[in-house]
């Protein structure tokens, strides 16, 4: 079946793997950095892990926060992620405009693109529906792919978070090629051959 389930139904799939992936991905974010998050179940777990983190992260940061300011800035086009982070005083939240897609809670369209073209990100953490060694990072909807592509283009580093079921899978719309990806965080069940292909492409692979 190829239709898209609403996010609330997909969130229970591979839940423990996604939580471990999120915990590992958060370790790649330094305090004071600007983080982009697209929509999806795994990036939602990343947002929750960022909210719960009490400092830590990598030592090197491009934009250290002062003692009274936010520890992180998060830019997102996902309404559910924005709802979870809006009440977190340690996080500065920037939400794109756009038209909401009810299946994924993502904001898409020219309003979302306009905001992303005006910001610079330290790291973009992207969820995806497919990660193919030849075609790259993919998702089901072309409008969501366009916004996720902008996240990648505006970031100094691109981290793809995807459970092992997404590796080797293709989807309709391409987000970016593997040359744009710095790190893939997946789970321990990732097939060795899929991991090897990503590493051959020069990508760091972390199996949580």
C-alpha atoms as a PDB file:
ATOM      1  CA  UNK A   1       0.000   0.000   0.000  1.00  0.00           C
ATOM      2  CA  UNK A   2       1.555   3.273  -1.132  1.00  0.00           C
ATOM      3  CA  UNK A   3      -0.750   5.913   0.368  1.00  0.00           C
ATOM      4  CA  UNK A   4       0.571   8.124   3.138  1.00  0.00           C
ATOM      5  CA  UNK A   5      -0.605   7.506   6.674  1.00  0.00           C
ATOM      6  CA  UNK A   6      -1.082  10.514   8.969  1.00  0.00           C
ATOM      7  CA  UNK A   7       1.840  11.183  11.281  1.00  0.00           C
ATOM      8  CA  UNK A   8      -0.012  10.076  14.406  1.00  0.00           C
ATOM      9  CA  UNK A   9      -0.379   6.562  12.976  1.00  0.00           C
ATOM     10  CA  UNK A  10       3.214   6.307  11.806  1.00  0.00           C
ATOM     11  CA  UNK A  11       4.720   7.437  15.108  1.00  0.00           C
ATOM     12  CA  UNK A  12       4.419   3.994  16.700  1.00  0.00           C
ATOM     13  CA  UNK A  13       6.454   2.275  13.982  1.00  0.00           C
ATOM     14  CA  UNK A  14      10.029   1.513  15.023  1.00  0.00           C
ATOM     15  CA  UNK A  15       9.479   3.774  18.049  1.00  0.00           C
ATOM     16  CA  UNK A  16      12.404   2.549  20.150  1.00  0.00           C
ATOM     17  CA  UNK A  17      14.773   2.744  17.170  1.00  0.00           C
ATOM     18  CA  UNK A  18      13.710   6.311  16.457  1.00  0.00           C
ATOM     19  CA  UNK A  19      14.314   7.324  20.059  1.00  0.00           C
ATOM     20  CA  UNK A  20      17.835   5.883  19.960  1.00  0.00           C
ATOM     21  CA  UNK A  21      18.483   7.582  16.624  1.00  0.00           C
ATOM     22  CA  UNK A  22      17.294  10.878  18.091  1.00  0.00           C
ATOM     23  CA  UNK A  23      19.563  10.552  21.124  1.00  0.00           C
ATOM     24  CA  UNK A  24      22.561   9.951  18.852  1.00  0.00           C
ATOM     25  CA  UNK A  25      21.627  12.812  16.526  1.00  0.00           C
ATOM     26  CA  UNK A  26      21.404  15.280  19.404  1.00  0.00           C
ATOM     27  CA  UNK A  27      25.041  14.537  20.238  1.00  0.00           C
ATOM     28  CA  UNK A  28      25.936  16.054  16.854  1.00  0.00           C
ATOM     29  CA  UNK A  29      24.456  19.427  17.842  1.00  0.00           C
ATOM     30  CA  UNK A  30      26.458  21.950  19.825  1.00  0.00           C
ATOM     31  CA  UNK A  31      25.048  24.464  22.281  1.00  0.00           C
ATOM     32  CA  UNK A  32      24.246  27.768  20.621  1.00  0.00           C
ATOM     33  CA  UNK A  33      23.865  26.298  17.168  1.00  0.00           C
ATOM     34  CA  UNK A  34      21.034  26.940  14.734  1.00  0.00           C
ATOM     35  CA  UNK A  35      19.257  23.679  13.907  1.00  0.00           C
ATOM     36  CA  UNK A  36      16.823  23.056  11.078  1.00  0.00           C
ATOM     37  CA  UNK A  37      14.215  20.300  11.492  1.00  0.00           C
ATOM     38  CA  UNK A  38      11.812  19.162   8.818  1.00  0.00           C
ATOM     39  CA  UNK A  39       8.703  17.180   9.703  1.00  0.00           C
ATOM     40  CA  UNK A  40       8.410  13.488  10.437  1.00  0.00           C
ATOM     41  CA  UNK A  41       8.305  10.995  13.262  1.00  0.00           C
ATOM     42  CA  UNK A  42      12.074  10.701  13.691  1.00  0.00           C
ATOM     43  CA  UNK A  43      12.715  14.451  13.607  1.00  0.00           C
ATOM     44  CA  UNK A  44       9.928  14.833  16.161  1.00  0.00           C
ATOM     45  CA  UNK A  45      11.915  12.552  18.454  1.00  0.00           C
ATOM     46  CA  UNK A  46      14.998  14.673  17.758  1.00  0.00           C
ATOM     47  CA  UNK A  47      13.074  17.778  18.800  1.00  0.00           C
ATOM     48  CA  UNK A  48      12.004  16.101  22.037  1.00  0.00           C
ATOM     49  CA  UNK A  49      15.580  15.036  22.767  1.00  0.00           C
ATOM     50  CA  UNK A  50      16.821  18.589  22.141  1.00  0.00           C
ATOM     51  CA  UNK A  51      14.176  19.961  24.485  1.00  0.00           C
ATOM     52  CA  UNK A  52      15.173  17.591  27.283  1.00  0.00           C
ATOM     53  CA  UNK A  53      18.899  18.076  26.923  1.00  0.00           C
ATOM     54  CA  UNK A  54      20.357  20.108  29.787  1.00  0.00           C
ATOM     55  CA  UNK A  55      23.439  21.433  28.033  1.00  0.00           C
ATOM     56  CA  UNK A  56      26.175  19.190  26.721  1.00  0.00           C
ATOM     57  CA  UNK A  57      26.568  18.525  23.032  1.00  0.00           C
ATOM     58  CA  UNK A  58      29.707  19.103  21.040  1.00  0.00           C
ATOM     59  CA  UNK A  59      32.270  21.519  22.341  1.00  0.00           C
ATOM     60  CA  UNK A  60      32.785  23.318  19.052  1.00  0.00           C
ATOM     61  CA  UNK A  61      29.973  25.719  18.159  1.00  0.00           C
ATOM     62  CA  UNK A  62      29.746  28.455  15.567  1.00  0.00           C
ATOM     63  CA  UNK A  63      27.411  30.642  17.613  1.00  0.00           C
ATOM     64  CA  UNK A  64      27.790  30.154  21.367  1.00  0.00           C
ATOM     65  CA  UNK A  65      24.879  31.300  23.476  1.00  0.00           C
ATOM     66  CA  UNK A  66      25.352  33.732  26.310  1.00  0.00           C
ATOM     67  CA  UNK A  67      24.601  32.703  29.859  1.00  0.00           C
ATOM     68  CA  UNK A  68      21.046  34.058  29.789  1.00  0.00           C
ATOM     69  CA  UNK A  69      20.112  33.378  26.176  1.00  0.00           C
ATOM     70  CA  UNK A  70      18.713  30.273  24.552  1.00  0.00           C
ATOM     71  CA  UNK A  71      20.918  27.198  24.299  1.00  0.00           C
ATOM     72  CA  UNK A  72      19.680  26.508  20.777  1.00  0.00           C
ATOM     73  CA  UNK A  73      17.797  28.065  17.902  1.00  0.00           C
ATOM     74  CA  UNK A  74      15.478  25.686  16.063  1.00  0.00           C
ATOM     75  CA  UNK A  75      14.000  26.478  12.656  1.00  0.00           C
ATOM     76  CA  UNK A  76      11.185  24.162  11.600  1.00  0.00           C
ATOM     77  CA  UNK A  77       8.298  23.853   9.173  1.00  0.00           C
ATOM     78  CA  UNK A  78       6.554  21.214  11.314  1.00  0.00           C
ATOM     79  CA  UNK A  79       3.579  22.371  13.364  1.00  0.00           C
ATOM     80  CA  UNK A  80       3.779  19.525  15.871  1.00  0.00           C
ATOM     81  CA  UNK A  81       7.481  20.178  16.515  1.00  0.00           C
ATOM     82  CA  UNK A  82       6.759  23.883  16.957  1.00  0.00           C
ATOM     83  CA  UNK A  83       4.011  23.054  19.446  1.00  0.00           C
ATOM     84  CA  UNK A  84       6.402  20.993  21.558  1.00  0.00           C
ATOM     85  CA  UNK A  85       9.252  23.510  21.507  1.00  0.00           C
ATOM     86  CA  UNK A  86       7.292  26.758  21.906  1.00  0.00           C
ATOM     87  CA  UNK A  87       7.131  26.363  25.703  1.00  0.00           C
ATOM     88  CA  UNK A  88      10.862  25.641  26.074  1.00  0.00           C
ATOM     89  CA  UNK A  89      12.638  28.815  27.259  1.00  0.00           C
ATOM     90  CA  UNK A  90      16.072  27.375  26.461  1.00  0.00           C
ATOM     91  CA  UNK A  91      15.165  27.128  22.769  1.00  0.00           C
ATOM     92  CA  UNK A  92      14.579  30.025  20.393  1.00  0.00           C
ATOM     93  CA  UNK A  93      11.939  28.794  17.961  1.00  0.00           C
ATOM     94  CA  UNK A  94      11.537  30.016  14.382  1.00  0.00           C
ATOM     95  CA  UNK A  95       8.598  28.617  12.406  1.00  0.00           C
ATOM     96  CA  UNK A  96       8.223  29.009   8.661  1.00  0.00           C
ATOM     97  CA  UNK A  97       4.949  30.110   7.181  1.00  0.00           C
ATOM     98  CA  UNK A  98       3.192  28.056   4.560  1.00  0.00           C
ATOM     99  CA  UNK A  99       0.255  25.785   3.833  1.00  0.00           C
ATOM    100  CA  UNK A 100      -0.199  22.955   6.335  1.00  0.00           C
ATOM    101  CA  UNK A 101      -0.310  19.354   5.119  1.00  0.00           C
ATOM    102  CA  UNK A 102      -2.627  17.406   7.474  1.00  0.00           C
ATOM    103  CA  UNK A 103      -0.830  14.077   6.936  1.00  0.00           C
ATOM    104  CA  UNK A 104       2.543  15.278   8.238  1.00  0.00           C
ATOM    105  CA  UNK A 105       1.823  18.654   9.916  1.00  0.00           C
ATOM    106  CA  UNK A 106       4.433  20.234   7.629  1.00  0.00           C
ATOM    107  CA  UNK A 107       4.162  23.767   6.248  1.00  0.00           C
ATOM    108  CA  UNK A 108       4.970  23.911   2.534  1.00  0.00           C
ATOM    109  CA  UNK A 109       4.818  26.310  -0.380  1.00  0.00           C
ATOM    110  CA  UNK A 110       6.387  29.686  -1.222  1.00  0.00           C
ATOM    111  CA  UNK A 111       5.786  31.186   2.221  1.00  0.00           C
ATOM    112  CA  UNK A 112       7.851  28.432   3.848  1.00  0.00           C
ATOM    113  CA  UNK A 113      10.528  28.728   1.170  1.00  0.00           C
ATOM    114  CA  UNK A 114      10.703  32.506   1.643  1.00  0.00           C
ATOM    115  CA  UNK A 115      11.627  32.189   5.307  1.00  0.00           C
ATOM    116  CA  UNK A 116      14.254  29.501   4.714  1.00  0.00           C
ATOM    117  CA  UNK A 117      15.954  31.590   2.045  1.00  0.00           C
ATOM    118  CA  UNK A 118      16.571  34.287   4.665  1.00  0.00           C
ATOM    119  CA  UNK A 119      18.240  32.142   7.357  1.00  0.00           C
ATOM    120  CA  UNK A 120      21.541  30.327   7.791  1.00  0.00           C
ATOM    121  CA  UNK A 121      21.682  27.005   9.639  1.00  0.00           C
ATOM    122  CA  UNK A 122      24.572  25.292  11.379  1.00  0.00           C
ATOM    123  CA  UNK A 123      23.005  21.867  10.925  1.00  0.00           C
ATOM    124  CA  UNK A 124      19.905  20.529   9.215  1.00  0.00           C
ATOM    125  CA  UNK A 125      18.467  17.322  10.658  1.00  0.00           C
ATOM    126  CA  UNK A 126      16.277  15.753   8.010  1.00  0.00           C
ATOM    127  CA  UNK A 127      13.855  12.877   8.146  1.00  0.00           C
ATOM    128  CA  UNK A 128      13.147  11.020   4.922  1.00  0.00           C
ATOM    129  CA  UNK A 129      11.021   8.245   3.454  1.00  0.00           C
ATOM    130  CA  UNK A 130      13.848   6.713   1.441  1.00  0.00           C
ATOM    131  CA  UNK A 131      17.624   6.700   1.267  1.00  0.00           C
ATOM    132  CA  UNK A 132      18.979   5.204  -1.937  1.00  0.00           C
ATOM    133  CA  UNK A 133      22.740   4.885  -2.592  1.00  0.00           C
ATOM    134  CA  UNK A 134      22.327   6.118  -6.160  1.00  0.00           C
ATOM    135  CA  UNK A 135      19.378   8.534  -6.042  1.00  0.00           C
ATOM    136  CA  UNK A 136      19.963  10.035  -2.595  1.00  0.00           C
ATOM    137  CA  UNK A 137      17.464  11.237   0.002  1.00  0.00           C
ATOM    138  CA  UNK A 138      13.774  11.055  -0.915  1.00  0.00           C
ATOM    139  CA  UNK A 139      10.280  11.646   0.379  1.00  0.00           C
ATOM    140  CA  UNK A 140       6.775  10.949  -0.887  1.00  0.00           C
ATOM    141  CA  UNK A 141       5.553  14.478  -1.584  1.00  0.00           C
ATOM    142  CA  UNK A 142       7.243  16.885  -3.980  1.00  0.00           C
ATOM    143  CA  UNK A 143       6.234  19.994  -2.028  1.00  0.00           C
ATOM    144  CA  UNK A 144       7.779  18.621   1.157  1.00  0.00           C
ATOM    145  CA  UNK A 145      10.886  17.594  -0.785  1.00  0.00           C
ATOM    146  CA  UNK A 146      11.356  21.157  -2.004  1.00  0.00           C
ATOM    147  CA  UNK A 147      11.275  22.583   1.528  1.00  0.00           C
ATOM    148  CA  UNK A 148      13.587  19.868   2.876  1.00  0.00           C
ATOM    149  CA  UNK A 149      15.984  20.621  -0.001  1.00  0.00           C
ATOM    150  CA  UNK A 150      16.101  24.239   1.134  1.00  0.00           C
ATOM    151  CA  UNK A 151      16.923  23.120   4.686  1.00  0.00           C
ATOM    152  CA  UNK A 152      19.890  21.193   3.268  1.00  0.00           C
ATOM    153  CA  UNK A 153      21.045  24.082   1.093  1.00  0.00           C
ATOM    154  CA  UNK A 154      20.989  26.571   3.977  1.00  0.00           C
ATOM    155  CA  UNK A 155      22.963  24.326   6.375  1.00  0.00           C
ATOM    156  CA  UNK A 156      26.685  23.908   6.916  1.00  0.00           C
ATOM    157  CA  UNK A 157      26.101  20.275   7.894  1.00  0.00           C
ATOM    158  CA  UNK A 158      23.326  17.888   6.880  1.00  0.00           C
ATOM    159  CA  UNK A 159      22.340  14.973   9.121  1.00  0.00           C
ATOM    160  CA  UNK A 160      19.781  12.467   7.851  1.00  0.00           C
ATOM    161  CA  UNK A 161      17.941  10.505  10.534  1.00  0.00           C
ATOM    162  CA  UNK A 162      16.364   7.318   9.190  1.00  0.00           C
ATOM    163  CA  UNK A 163      15.584   3.950  10.721  1.00  0.00           C
ATOM    164  CA  UNK A 164      16.925   0.896   8.916  1.00  0.00           C
ATOM    165  CA  UNK A 165      13.648   0.301   7.049  1.00  0.00           C
ATOM    166  CA  UNK A 166      14.323   3.474   5.014  1.00  0.00           C
ATOM    167  CA  UNK A 167      17.792   2.409   3.802  1.00  0.00           C
ATOM    168  CA  UNK A 168      17.725   1.237   0.219  1.00  0.00           C
ATOM    169  CA  UNK A 169      14.122   2.389  -0.190  1.00  0.00           C
ATOM    170  CA  UNK A 170      13.007   4.811  -2.880  1.00  0.00           C
ATOM    171  CA  UNK A 171      10.240   7.388  -2.762  1.00  0.00           C
ATOM    172  CA  UNK A 172       8.631   9.667  -5.319  1.00  0.00           C
ATOM    173  CA  UNK A 173      10.368  13.011  -4.716  1.00  0.00           C
ATOM    174  CA  UNK A 174      14.114  13.601  -4.364  1.00  0.00           C
ATOM    175  CA  UNK A 175      15.346  15.899  -1.610  1.00  0.00           C
ATOM    176  CA  UNK A 176      19.064  15.873  -2.380  1.00  0.00           C
ATOM    177  CA  UNK A 177      21.910  13.659  -3.498  1.00  0.00           C
ATOM    178  CA  UNK A 178      24.263  11.887  -1.131  1.00  0.00           C
ATOM    179  CA  UNK A 179      26.944  14.467  -1.879  1.00  0.00           C
ATOM    180  CA  UNK A 180      24.936  16.943   0.210  1.00  0.00           C
ATOM    181  CA  UNK A 181      24.805  14.638   3.267  1.00  0.00           C
ATOM    182  CA  UNK A 182      27.484  14.633   5.965  1.00  0.00           C
ATOM    183  CA  UNK A 183      26.076  12.080   8.415  1.00  0.00           C
ATOM    184  CA  UNK A 184      23.397   9.400   8.457  1.00  0.00           C
ATOM    185  CA  UNK A 185      22.095   8.276  11.850  1.00  0.00           C
ATOM    186  CA  UNK A 186      20.262   4.962  11.730  1.00  0.00           C
ATOM    187  CA  UNK A 187      19.647   2.000  14.014  1.00  0.00           C
ATOM    188  CA  UNK A 188      21.649  -1.132  14.728  1.00  0.00           C
ATOM    189  CA  UNK A 189      19.514  -3.138  12.316  1.00  0.00           C
ATOM    190  CA  UNK A 190      20.851  -1.297   9.284  1.00  0.00           C
ATOM    191  CA  UNK A 191      22.105  -3.791   6.651  1.00  0.00           C
ATOM    192  CA  UNK A 192      25.878  -3.897   6.397  1.00  0.00           C
ATOM    193  CA  UNK A 193      25.847  -3.509   2.609  1.00  0.00           C
ATOM    194  CA  UNK A 194      23.684  -0.387   2.794  1.00  0.00           C
ATOM    195  CA  UNK A 195      25.977   1.110   5.431  1.00  0.00           C
ATOM    196  CA  UNK A 196      29.041   0.285   3.309  1.00  0.00           C
ATOM    197  CA  UNK A 197      27.562   2.051   0.276  1.00  0.00           C
ATOM    198  CA  UNK A 198      26.917   5.179   2.294  1.00  0.00           C
ATOM    199  CA  UNK A 199      30.419   5.107   3.727  1.00  0.00           C
ATOM    200  CA  UNK A 200      31.848   4.624   0.231  1.00  0.00           C
ATOM    201  CA  UNK A 201      30.069   7.850  -0.691  1.00  0.00           C
ATOM    202  CA  UNK A 202      32.021   9.632   2.054  1.00  0.00           C
ATOM    203  CA  UNK A 203      29.170   9.766   4.566  1.00  0.00           C
ATOM    204  CA  UNK A 204      29.649   9.168   8.282  1.00  0.00           C
ATOM    205  CA  UNK A 205      27.195   6.482   9.413  1.00  0.00           C
ATOM    206  CA  UNK A 206      26.187   6.197  13.055  1.00  0.00           C
ATOM    207  CA  UNK A 207      24.225   3.109  14.127  1.00  0.00           C
ATOM    208  CA  UNK A 208      22.412   3.856  17.377  1.00  0.00           C
END
